[in-house]
Amino acid sequence: MNTEQILIRGVETLIEAPGRVRAGPVDILLRDGRIAAVGPALAEPQGATVIEGRGLLAAPGLVNAHWHSPMQLSHGTSDRLNHQAFMWENQVDTANRSAEEIYASAVIGCLQMLKSGTTAVIDHFPEQGFGPEDVAAVVRAYRDCGMRAVVALRIFDGEYADILPAADRVTPALAAALAANNPLAPRPLAETLDIVRGAIEAHDRTENRIRIFPAPSNPVRCSDALLLASQAIAEEYDTGVHCHLLETRVQAELASARYGRTMVEHLDAIGAFGRRWSNAHCNWLSEAEIAIMARRGAVAVLNPESNLKIGSGIPPIPRLLAAGVPCALGNDGASTNDNLILQDAMQLAAILHRPSEPDRRNWVTVADVMAMATTGGAAAMLEPELGRLEPGCKADLVLYDLAAPWWVPLNDPGQQFVFGERGGSVRTVIVDGRLVVRDGRALLVDEEACSRAARHILPAVRARNGRIAQIAFEVAALQ
């Protein structure tokens, strides 16, 4: 347990919770990883670290509820690619990595998130089959950086049919390449589940801030047995379940053809769906599926930037909110978004549907997207004591410098946070009551060394994955 005491003295403005702003000066006392007190002129405990809050805004740390750490080194590589082509190019960039390459990729992502105000993340990790050493490497990255994280182990036991051309279009060359070098070939279900259980038993609740979840890659790539096993493991170990859900139209069509009903209807019917499930994308939900998600309390994790960049769809945000579906936000992988600035996703979620909705009363509000980026993400992580700056809550918070031009003058902190802030005014970041960034510098890892280690990984990985590149080439030729 973190026993450090920190007193933040006299912040100018406090965003206590979504839609609730408190004018300062106000003090915040942190003790044992939690917020002990909030108020004016708090007594300074003996031995406490004191941080001067004048001219600063304090806000809950943001939660990036869907990310892929293996993609972090691939920003700037996938413009004007559709979902199929992108997915295969991604295999070339991420398969067959060493533990140190896995670690370095995750650390580079952590640094960008922490230094722009994101303190917690769900990492849908990796893509291909993995082993215990891979899980240990990514857990070590979060432990070393001081970030709060869910490592959501991406599992599957079926074919990635949604990213393959129709059977009548598969050329002999593509068929041969897949047979010889498919990095997405499934392995036996029992073996997969043993690895997941072993990872949970070895790493879940590391330092009380790193969780391990089972995470079906996408239900259309999984058997009912795997989906039910994920639910059972989550109940046994009190974890969540994370997955991709209906990112593309093709996935919705595959579900309808396979089950004779929609994907969410099928998950609900077999008993593999509920409040433990956080579901990335949710672009192609029917009204009936939205109603099921609301009734079950399943979280929709929206990734509007990524989806627009690769043309996969637009999440029905106003309909989800109107139905009462818990919503969170994600950046998705850097190869489909190119940044991990969660404020970008917040702004886009707020304005994406405004041109098509003439009644402004139905527009997504600043408070809505603040909730998605804080308490909504906390719900996806099964962290009910996260996302608010109130006594008793977990002490994940960020201090922003109000001298930055986009804060001057301070007219409406909520609006300026969503529509103006992009992480550039972050000064101090605290996770679990521990200082991890101060004066804009990471405190727990050597940024320069991490950058040097990461800079040459992608060319080396591509060089060793030449045979996988043949699959990507053959798929792209059929687009």
Protein backbone atom coordinates (compact mmCIF):
# COMPACT_ATOMS: atom_id res chain seq x y z
CA MET A 1 0.00 0.00 0.00
CA ASN A 2 1.20 3.52 -0.84
CA THR A 3 1.61 5.34 2.49
CA GLU A 4 2.84 8.63 1.02
CA GLN A 5 0.97 11.80 2.09
CA ILE A 6 0.61 14.66 -0.37
CA LEU A 7 -1.02 18.03 0.29
CA ILE A 8 -1.95 20.06 -2.77
CA ARG A 9 -2.30 23.58 -1.46
CA GLY A 10 -4.76 26.09 -2.90
CA VAL A 11 -5.71 24.97 -6.42
CA GLU A 12 -7.58 27.68 -8.30
CA THR A 13 -10.25 25.39 -9.76
CA LEU A 14 -11.33 21.84 -8.96
CA ILE A 15 -13.29 19.57 -11.31
CA GLU A 16 -14.68 17.29 -8.62
CA ALA A 17 -16.75 15.08 -10.90
CA PRO A 18 -18.36 15.30 -14.35
CA GLY A 19 -20.44 18.46 -14.47
CA ARG A 20 -19.37 19.63 -11.01
CA VAL A 21 -16.75 22.37 -10.73
CA ARG A 22 -15.60 24.00 -7.51
CA ALA A 23 -13.90 27.39 -7.34
CA GLY A 24 -10.79 27.70 -5.21
CA PRO A 25 -8.59 28.19 -3.47
CA VAL A 26 -9.09 24.62 -2.27
CA ASP A 27 -6.69 22.08 -0.77
CA ILE A 28 -6.55 18.36 -1.52
CA LEU A 29 -5.02 15.92 0.94
CA LEU A 30 -3.94 12.48 -0.29
CA ARG A 31 -3.14 9.63 2.07
CA ASP A 32 -2.64 5.89 1.55
CA GLY A 33 -3.50 6.12 -2.15
CA ARG A 34 -6.84 7.86 -1.57
CA ILE A 35 -8.26 11.33 -1.28
CA ALA A 36 -8.40 11.97 2.46
CA ALA A 37 -9.90 15.47 2.44
CA VAL A 38 -10.89 18.32 0.13
CA GLY A 39 -11.46 21.83 1.43
CA PRO A 40 -9.99 25.25 2.26
CA ALA A 41 -6.96 25.64 4.50
CA LEU A 42 -6.45 21.98 5.43
CA ALA A 43 -3.92 21.24 8.17
CA GLU A 44 -0.55 20.13 6.84
CA PRO A 45 0.33 16.64 8.13
CA GLN A 46 3.83 16.12 9.41
CA GLY A 47 6.13 14.78 6.71
CA ALA A 48 3.67 15.40 3.86
CA THR A 49 4.88 16.41 0.41
CA VAL A 50 3.39 19.84 -0.34
CA ILE A 51 2.55 20.89 -3.90
CA GLU A 52 1.69 24.51 -4.61
CA GLY A 53 -1.64 24.68 -6.44
CA ARG A 54 -1.91 28.40 -7.22
CA GLY A 55 -2.79 28.95 -10.86
CA LEU A 56 -3.61 25.28 -11.38
CA LEU A 57 -6.75 23.30 -12.17
CA ALA A 58 -7.17 19.87 -10.57
CA ALA A 59 -9.16 17.20 -12.41
CA PRO A 60 -9.64 13.44 -12.17
CA GLY A 61 -7.19 11.43 -14.21
CA LEU A 62 -8.69 10.36 -17.53
CA VAL A 63 -9.38 6.71 -18.37
CA ASN A 64 -8.49 5.41 -21.83
CA ALA A 65 -10.84 2.42 -21.88
CA HIS A 66 -9.55 0.83 -25.11
CA TRP A 67 -5.96 0.76 -26.35
CA HIS A 68 -3.52 -1.71 -27.92
CA SER A 69 0.01 -1.29 -26.57
CA PRO A 70 1.62 -3.42 -29.34
CA MET A 71 0.50 -0.84 -31.93
CA GLN A 72 2.15 2.08 -30.16
CA LEU A 73 5.17 2.15 -32.45
CA SER A 74 3.05 2.18 -35.62
CA HIS A 75 1.65 5.69 -35.64
CA GLY A 76 1.90 7.28 -39.06
CA THR A 77 1.62 3.97 -40.93
CA SER A 78 -2.00 3.36 -41.89
CA ASP A 79 -3.69 6.31 -43.56
CA ARG A 80 -6.34 5.45 -46.21
CA LEU A 81 -6.37 1.76 -45.30
CA ASN A 82 -9.66 -0.01 -44.71
CA HIS A 83 -10.18 -2.32 -41.76
CA GLN A 84 -9.09 -5.51 -43.53
CA ALA A 85 -5.87 -4.08 -44.94
CA PHE A 86 -5.05 -2.29 -41.70
CA MET A 87 -5.47 -5.46 -39.64
CA TRP A 88 -3.02 -7.43 -41.77
CA GLU A 89 -0.49 -4.62 -41.93
CA ASN A 90 -0.73 -4.55 -38.15
CA GLN A 91 0.33 -8.20 -37.95
CA VAL A 92 3.51 -7.35 -39.80
CA ASP A 93 4.29 -4.66 -37.24
CA THR A 94 3.39 -6.51 -34.04
CA ALA A 95 3.91 -10.27 -34.38
CA ASN A 96 6.97 -12.13 -33.07
CA ARG A 97 8.19 -9.49 -30.65
CA SER A 98 10.58 -10.09 -27.78
CA ALA A 99 9.66 -9.34 -24.18
CA GLU A 100 11.82 -6.20 -24.23
CA GLU A 101 10.11 -4.96 -27.41
CA ILE A 102 6.70 -5.53 -25.80
CA TYR A 103 7.86 -3.61 -22.74
CA ALA A 104 9.27 -0.67 -24.68
CA SER A 105 6.15 -0.27 -26.81
CA ALA A 106 3.94 -0.15 -23.72
CA VAL A 107 6.20 2.32 -21.90
CA ILE A 108 6.20 4.77 -24.83
CA GLY A 109 2.40 4.72 -24.77
CA CYS A 110 2.29 5.17 -21.00
CA LEU A 111 4.47 8.25 -21.27
CA GLN A 112 2.20 9.90 -23.80
CA MET A 113 -0.91 9.10 -21.79
CA LEU A 114 0.46 10.20 -18.43
CA LYS A 115 1.92 13.43 -19.78
CA SER A 116 -1.40 14.38 -21.39
CA GLY A 117 -3.59 13.61 -18.38
CA THR A 118 -4.59 9.95 -18.79
CA THR A 119 -3.84 7.94 -15.66
CA ALA A 120 -5.60 4.61 -16.37
CA VAL A 121 -5.98 2.38 -19.42
CA ILE A 122 -7.50 -0.87 -20.66
CA ASP A 123 -4.88 -2.50 -22.88
CA HIS A 124 -6.42 -5.10 -25.23
CA PHE A 125 -3.22 -7.14 -25.48
CA PRO A 126 -1.76 -8.44 -27.73
CA GLU A 127 -3.20 -9.64 -31.08
CA GLN A 128 -1.63 -12.98 -31.81
CA GLY A 129 -1.15 -15.95 -29.51
CA PHE A 130 0.86 -15.07 -26.41
CA GLY A 131 2.63 -16.71 -23.50
CA PRO A 132 3.30 -15.97 -19.83
CA GLU A 133 6.50 -14.08 -20.63
CA ASP A 134 4.59 -11.65 -22.87
CA VAL A 135 2.07 -10.88 -20.13
CA ALA A 136 4.85 -10.40 -17.60
CA ALA A 137 6.57 -7.89 -19.90
CA VAL A 138 3.54 -5.64 -20.32
CA VAL A 139 2.65 -5.83 -16.62
CA ARG A 140 6.21 -4.75 -15.84
CA ALA A 141 5.76 -1.70 -18.08
CA TYR A 142 2.71 -0.53 -16.13
CA ARG A 143 4.36 -1.28 -12.82
CA ASP A 144 7.48 0.69 -13.74
CA CYS A 145 5.58 3.70 -15.14
CA GLY A 146 3.21 3.88 -12.17
CA MET A 147 0.10 3.78 -14.34
CA ARG A 148 -3.22 2.14 -13.43
CA ALA A 149 -4.09 -0.51 -16.00
CA VAL A 150 -6.19 -3.45 -17.03
CA VAL A 151 -4.27 -5.92 -19.19
CA ALA A 152 -7.14 -7.41 -21.15
CA LEU A 153 -5.80 -10.65 -22.64
CA ARG A 154 -6.97 -10.87 -26.24
CA ILE A 155 -8.07 -14.43 -26.92
CA PHE A 156 -9.81 -16.25 -29.77
CA ASP A 157 -10.36 -19.80 -30.97
CA GLY A 158 -11.91 -19.21 -34.36
CA GLU A 159 -11.00 -17.72 -37.70
CA TYR A 160 -10.66 -13.96 -38.22
CA ALA A 161 -13.32 -14.22 -40.91
CA ASP A 162 -14.19 -10.54 -40.71
CA ILE A 163 -10.78 -9.50 -42.08
CA LEU A 164 -10.46 -12.13 -44.80
CA PRO A 165 -11.80 -11.77 -48.33
CA ALA A 166 -14.84 -13.86 -49.22
CA ALA A 167 -13.91 -17.49 -49.91
CA ASP A 168 -14.52 -17.15 -53.64
CA ARG A 169 -11.99 -14.28 -53.79
CA VAL A 170 -9.15 -15.96 -51.90
CA THR A 171 -6.37 -16.53 -54.42
CA PRO A 172 -4.11 -19.59 -54.37
CA ALA A 173 -1.22 -17.35 -53.32
CA LEU A 174 -3.17 -15.97 -50.35
CA ALA A 175 -4.37 -19.44 -49.34
CA ALA A 176 -0.80 -20.74 -49.39
CA ALA A 177 0.52 -17.77 -47.40
CA LEU A 178 -2.17 -18.19 -44.75
CA ALA A 179 -1.54 -21.91 -44.46
CA ALA A 180 2.17 -21.37 -43.89
CA ASN A 181 2.43 -18.16 -41.87
CA ASN A 182 -0.90 -17.01 -40.44
CA PRO A 183 -0.11 -15.25 -37.12
CA LEU A 184 -3.81 -15.39 -36.24
CA ALA A 185 -4.18 -19.17 -36.42
CA PRO A 186 -6.15 -20.24 -33.32
CA ARG A 187 -4.75 -22.61 -30.73
CA PRO A 188 -6.71 -25.11 -28.60
CA LEU A 189 -9.22 -23.49 -26.27
CA ALA A 190 -8.03 -25.37 -23.19
CA GLU A 191 -4.48 -24.10 -23.71
CA THR A 192 -5.70 -20.52 -24.09
CA LEU A 193 -7.79 -20.66 -20.93
CA ASP A 194 -4.91 -22.15 -18.94
CA ILE A 195 -2.71 -19.21 -19.95
CA VAL A 196 -5.41 -16.70 -18.96
CA ARG A 197 -5.94 -18.30 -15.57
CA GLY A 198 -2.20 -18.47 -14.97
CA ALA A 199 -1.81 -14.80 -15.84
CA ILE A 200 -4.62 -13.77 -13.49
CA GLU A 201 -3.14 -15.81 -10.65
CA ALA A 202 0.34 -14.42 -11.27
CA HIS A 203 -0.39 -10.76 -11.95
CA ASP A 204 -3.95 -9.67 -11.09
CA ARG A 205 -4.00 -6.80 -8.55
CA THR A 206 -0.27 -6.15 -8.90
CA GLU A 207 0.49 -3.19 -6.62
CA ASN A 208 -3.30 -2.89 -6.24
CA ARG A 209 -3.59 -1.05 -9.55
CA ILE A 210 -2.97 -3.57 -12.35
CA ARG A 211 -5.75 -5.99 -13.24
CA ILE A 212 -5.92 -8.92 -15.67
CA PHE A 213 -9.16 -9.53 -17.60
CA PRO A 214 -10.10 -12.22 -20.13
CA ALA A 215 -10.77 -10.38 -23.37
CA PRO A 216 -12.29 -12.13 -26.41
CA SER A 217 -10.81 -10.52 -29.50
CA ASN A 218 -14.25 -10.20 -31.05
CA PRO A 219 -17.24 -12.51 -30.50
CA VAL A 220 -17.39 -13.43 -34.20
CA ARG A 221 -13.83 -14.80 -33.85
CA CYS A 222 -14.74 -16.89 -30.81
CA SER A 223 -16.74 -20.02 -30.04
CA ASP A 224 -19.61 -19.92 -27.58
CA ALA A 225 -17.45 -22.06 -25.32
CA LEU A 226 -14.76 -19.36 -25.19
CA LEU A 227 -17.30 -16.60 -24.57
CA LEU A 228 -18.91 -18.55 -21.73
CA ALA A 229 -15.51 -19.43 -20.28
CA SER A 230 -14.57 -15.73 -20.26
CA GLN A 231 -17.72 -14.95 -18.30
CA ALA A 232 -17.03 -17.82 -15.89
CA ILE A 233 -13.41 -16.76 -15.31
CA ALA A 234 -14.54 -13.19 -14.68
CA GLU A 235 -17.02 -14.37 -12.07
CA GLU A 236 -14.52 -16.72 -10.44
CA TYR A 237 -11.78 -14.11 -10.10
CA ASP A 238 -14.01 -11.01 -9.89
CA THR A 239 -12.59 -9.45 -13.05
CA GLY A 240 -14.20 -7.84 -16.06
CA VAL A 241 -14.42 -9.00 -19.68
CA HIS A 242 -13.27 -6.74 -22.50
CA CYS A 243 -13.86 -7.24 -26.23
CA HIS A 244 -14.28 -5.63 -29.61
CA LEU A 245 -17.96 -5.46 -30.52
CA LEU A 246 -19.47 -4.61 -33.90
CA GLU A 247 -16.71 -2.33 -35.09
CA THR A 248 -17.54 -3.02 -38.73
CA ARG A 249 -20.64 -3.75 -40.78
CA VAL A 250 -19.07 -7.07 -41.83
CA GLN A 251 -19.04 -8.23 -38.21
CA ALA A 252 -22.75 -7.49 -37.85
CA GLU A 253 -23.47 -9.40 -41.06
CA LEU A 254 -21.37 -12.39 -39.97
CA ALA A 255 -23.23 -12.57 -36.66
CA SER A 256 -26.60 -12.49 -38.38
CA ALA A 257 -25.59 -15.25 -40.80
CA ARG A 258 -24.02 -17.41 -38.11
CA TYR A 259 -26.61 -17.12 -35.33
CA GLY A 260 -29.79 -16.02 -37.04
CA ARG A 261 -29.89 -13.06 -34.66
CA THR A 262 -27.73 -10.08 -33.78
CA MET A 263 -24.42 -10.40 -31.97
CA VAL A 264 -25.61 -8.87 -28.71
CA GLU A 265 -28.84 -10.89 -28.80
CA HIS A 266 -26.71 -14.02 -29.13
CA LEU A 267 -24.34 -13.08 -26.30
CA ASP A 268 -27.30 -12.35 -24.06
CA ALA A 269 -29.11 -15.55 -25.02
CA ILE A 270 -26.18 -17.81 -24.12
CA GLY A 271 -25.57 -16.01 -20.81
CA ALA A 272 -22.22 -14.47 -21.73
CA PHE A 273 -23.02 -10.79 -21.30
CA GLY A 274 -23.58 -8.32 -18.50
CA ARG A 275 -22.16 -5.60 -16.27
CA ARG A 276 -18.66 -7.11 -16.33
CA TRP A 277 -18.42 -6.60 -20.10
CA SER A 278 -16.81 -3.53 -21.66
CA ASN A 279 -17.27 -3.44 -25.41
CA ALA A 280 -15.07 -1.43 -27.74
CA HIS A 281 -16.52 0.42 -30.75
CA CYS A 282 -20.24 -0.55 -30.84
CA ASN A 283 -20.71 1.14 -34.22
CA TRP A 284 -23.31 -1.19 -35.73
CA LEU A 285 -25.71 -1.81 -32.85
CA SER A 286 -29.42 -2.23 -33.51
CA GLU A 287 -32.01 -0.63 -31.25
CA ALA A 288 -32.69 -4.04 -29.71
CA GLU A 289 -28.99 -4.48 -28.94
CA ILE A 290 -28.78 -1.04 -27.34
CA ALA A 291 -31.73 -1.98 -25.12
CA ILE A 292 -30.00 -5.20 -24.04
CA MET A 293 -26.80 -3.32 -23.18
CA ALA A 294 -28.77 -0.84 -21.09
CA ARG A 295 -30.65 -3.60 -19.29
CA ARG A 296 -27.51 -5.60 -18.57
CA GLY A 297 -25.31 -2.64 -17.63
CA ALA A 298 -22.66 -3.51 -20.23
CA VAL A 299 -20.31 -0.62 -21.03
CA ALA A 300 -19.94 0.77 -24.56
CA VAL A 301 -16.36 2.00 -25.13
CA LEU A 302 -16.45 4.49 -27.98
CA ASN A 303 -13.46 5.15 -30.25
CA PRO A 304 -14.68 7.82 -32.68
CA GLU A 305 -11.30 8.99 -34.00
CA SER A 306 -10.03 5.53 -34.87
CA ASN A 307 -13.32 4.51 -36.47
CA LEU A 308 -13.45 7.58 -38.68
CA LYS A 309 -9.84 7.24 -39.79
CA ILE A 310 -10.30 3.72 -41.16
CA GLY A 311 -13.92 4.27 -42.19
CA SER A 312 -15.33 1.47 -40.06
CA GLY A 313 -18.36 3.31 -38.69
CA ILE A 314 -19.76 5.97 -36.37
CA PRO A 315 -20.87 5.03 -32.84
CA PRO A 316 -24.52 5.89 -32.05
CA ILE A 317 -23.57 8.00 -29.03
CA PRO A 318 -26.83 9.96 -28.55
CA ARG A 319 -28.91 6.76 -28.78
CA LEU A 320 -26.66 4.96 -26.31
CA LEU A 321 -26.90 7.80 -23.80
CA ALA A 322 -30.64 8.18 -24.25
CA ALA A 323 -31.10 4.47 -23.55
CA GLY A 324 -28.98 4.64 -20.40
CA VAL A 325 -26.05 2.56 -21.66
CA PRO A 326 -22.89 3.27 -19.62
CA CYS A 327 -20.37 4.83 -22.02
CA ALA A 328 -16.60 5.20 -21.90
CA LEU A 329 -13.99 6.48 -24.37
CA GLY A 330 -10.88 4.99 -25.94
CA ASN A 331 -8.10 6.06 -28.26
CA ASP A 332 -7.67 2.59 -29.81
CA GLY A 333 -4.26 1.69 -31.22
CA ALA A 334 -1.84 4.37 -32.38
CA SER A 335 -1.82 2.93 -35.89
CA THR A 336 -5.47 3.91 -36.36
CA ASN A 337 -5.40 7.11 -34.32
CA ASP A 338 -1.77 8.29 -34.19
CA ASN A 339 -2.15 9.82 -30.75
CA LEU A 340 -3.27 8.95 -27.24
CA ILE A 341 -4.79 12.34 -26.42
CA LEU A 342 -8.09 11.35 -24.83
CA GLN A 343 -9.31 14.96 -24.94
CA ASP A 344 -9.45 14.59 -28.74
CA ALA A 345 -11.88 11.70 -28.34
CA MET A 346 -13.88 13.74 -25.84
CA GLN A 347 -14.32 16.64 -28.24
CA LEU A 348 -15.25 14.38 -31.15
CA ALA A 349 -17.77 12.45 -29.05
CA ALA A 350 -19.40 15.74 -28.10
CA ILE A 351 -19.76 17.16 -31.61
CA LEU A 352 -19.81 14.22 -34.02
CA HIS A 353 -23.61 14.01 -34.26
CA ARG A 354 -24.54 17.68 -34.02
CA PRO A 355 -24.89 18.38 -37.78
CA SER A 356 -27.48 15.58 -38.13
CA GLU A 357 -29.47 16.47 -35.00
CA PRO A 358 -31.48 19.71 -35.38
CA ASP A 359 -32.76 19.62 -31.81
CA ARG A 360 -29.90 20.89 -29.65
CA ARG A 361 -31.56 19.44 -26.57
CA ASN A 362 -30.45 16.04 -27.86
CA TRP A 363 -26.82 17.01 -28.35
CA VAL A 364 -24.14 15.25 -26.32
CA THR A 365 -22.99 17.60 -23.56
CA VAL A 366 -19.66 18.49 -22.01
CA ALA A 367 -20.75 16.74 -18.81
CA ASP A 368 -21.63 13.63 -20.85
CA VAL A 369 -18.17 13.31 -22.36
CA MET A 370 -16.42 14.20 -19.10
CA ALA A 371 -18.29 11.28 -17.55
CA MET A 372 -17.30 8.97 -20.40
CA ALA A 373 -13.63 9.85 -19.93
CA THR A 374 -13.66 9.43 -16.13
CA THR A 375 -16.44 7.56 -14.34
CA GLY A 376 -17.48 5.72 -17.51
CA GLY A 377 -13.96 4.41 -18.01
CA ALA A 378 -13.84 3.57 -14.33
CA ALA A 379 -16.97 1.44 -14.77
CA ALA A 380 -15.29 -0.42 -17.63
CA MET A 381 -12.33 -1.14 -15.34
CA LEU A 382 -14.64 -2.17 -12.46
CA GLU A 383 -13.22 0.71 -10.41
CA PRO A 384 -16.21 2.47 -8.76
CA GLU A 385 -13.90 4.59 -6.56
CA LEU A 386 -12.18 6.16 -9.56
CA GLY A 387 -12.98 9.20 -11.67
CA ARG A 388 -13.98 11.68 -8.95
CA LEU A 389 -12.03 13.96 -6.62
CA GLU A 390 -13.96 13.27 -3.45
CA PRO A 391 -12.91 11.98 -0.01
CA GLY A 392 -12.58 8.20 -0.08
CA CYS A 393 -11.96 7.97 -3.82
CA LYS A 394 -8.73 6.60 -5.26
CA ALA A 395 -6.16 9.34 -5.70
CA ASP A 396 -5.66 9.52 -9.48
CA LEU A 397 -5.57 13.20 -10.43
CA VAL A 398 -3.92 15.71 -12.73
CA LEU A 399 -2.92 19.36 -12.26
CA TYR A 400 -3.20 21.65 -15.31
CA ASP A 401 -1.49 25.04 -15.68
CA LEU A 402 -4.14 27.72 -16.17
CA ALA A 403 -1.54 30.07 -17.66
CA ALA A 404 -1.73 28.12 -20.95
CA PRO A 405 -3.37 30.25 -23.69
CA TRP A 406 -6.38 27.95 -24.09
CA TRP A 407 -7.29 28.56 -20.44
CA VAL A 408 -7.01 32.38 -20.59
CA PRO A 409 -9.41 33.73 -19.55
CA LEU A 410 -11.04 30.99 -17.47
CA ASN A 411 -14.65 31.25 -18.61
CA ASP A 412 -16.05 27.72 -18.30
CA PRO A 413 -13.61 25.06 -17.03
CA GLY A 414 -15.65 22.14 -18.38
CA GLN A 415 -15.99 23.51 -21.89
CA GLN A 416 -12.37 24.60 -22.03
CA PHE A 417 -11.23 21.21 -20.79
CA VAL A 418 -13.13 19.38 -23.56
CA PHE A 419 -12.77 21.82 -26.45
CA GLY A 420 -9.45 23.51 -25.65
CA GLU A 421 -7.14 21.33 -23.54
CA ARG A 422 -5.04 18.74 -25.36
CA GLY A 423 -2.69 17.71 -22.60
CA GLY A 424 -0.21 20.50 -23.24
CA SER A 425 -0.79 22.19 -19.88
CA VAL A 426 -0.34 19.06 -17.74
CA ARG A 427 2.12 19.82 -14.93
CA THR A 428 1.66 17.15 -12.28
CA VAL A 429 0.18 13.65 -12.43
CA ILE A 430 -0.61 11.50 -9.41
CA VAL A 431 -1.69 7.85 -9.64
CA ASP A 432 -2.76 5.88 -6.59
CA GLY A 433 -1.55 8.75 -4.43
CA ARG A 434 1.96 8.64 -5.92
CA LEU A 435 3.68 11.34 -7.96
CA VAL A 436 4.46 9.98 -11.42
CA VAL A 437 4.86 13.23 -13.41
CA ARG A 438 6.03 16.56 -11.98
CA ASP A 439 6.73 19.77 -13.88
CA GLY A 440 5.96 17.87 -17.07
CA ARG A 441 8.63 15.19 -16.53
CA ALA A 442 8.10 11.51 -15.84
CA LEU A 443 9.58 10.59 -12.46
CA LEU A 444 9.69 6.80 -12.52
CA VAL A 445 11.27 5.95 -15.88
CA ASP A 446 14.07 7.43 -17.96
CA GLU A 447 12.25 9.00 -20.91
CA GLU A 448 15.34 9.40 -23.08
CA ALA A 449 16.45 5.81 -22.56
CA CYS A 450 12.95 4.54 -23.32
CA SER A 451 12.86 6.54 -26.55
CA ARG A 452 16.24 5.22 -27.62
CA ALA A 453 15.13 1.65 -26.96
CA ALA A 454 11.89 2.05 -28.91
CA ARG A 455 13.17 3.95 -31.92
CA HIS A 456 14.54 0.98 -33.87
CA ILE A 457 12.06 -1.73 -32.90
CA LEU A 458 9.61 -1.39 -35.79
CA PRO A 459 12.16 -1.87 -38.60
CA ALA A 460 13.56 -4.92 -36.83
CA VAL A 461 10.11 -6.47 -36.34
CA ARG A 462 9.18 -5.85 -39.97
CA ALA A 463 12.41 -7.47 -41.13
CA ARG A 464 11.63 -10.67 -39.22
CA ASN A 465 7.98 -10.73 -40.39
CA GLY A 466 8.55 -10.79 -44.13
CA ARG A 467 6.43 -13.91 -44.59
CA ILE A 468 3.51 -12.30 -42.78
CA ALA A 469 3.95 -9.28 -45.06
CA GLN A 470 3.11 -11.58 -47.98
CA ILE A 471 -0.34 -12.14 -46.47
CA ALA A 472 -0.84 -8.40 -46.07
CA PHE A 473 0.24 -7.83 -49.66
CA GLU A 474 -2.15 -10.46 -51.02
CA VAL A 475 -5.09 -9.10 -48.98
CA ALA A 476 -4.38 -5.51 -50.04
CA ALA A 477 -4.29 -6.58 -53.70
CA LEU A 478 -7.89 -7.77 -53.40
CA GLN A 479 -9.23 -4.46 -52.03
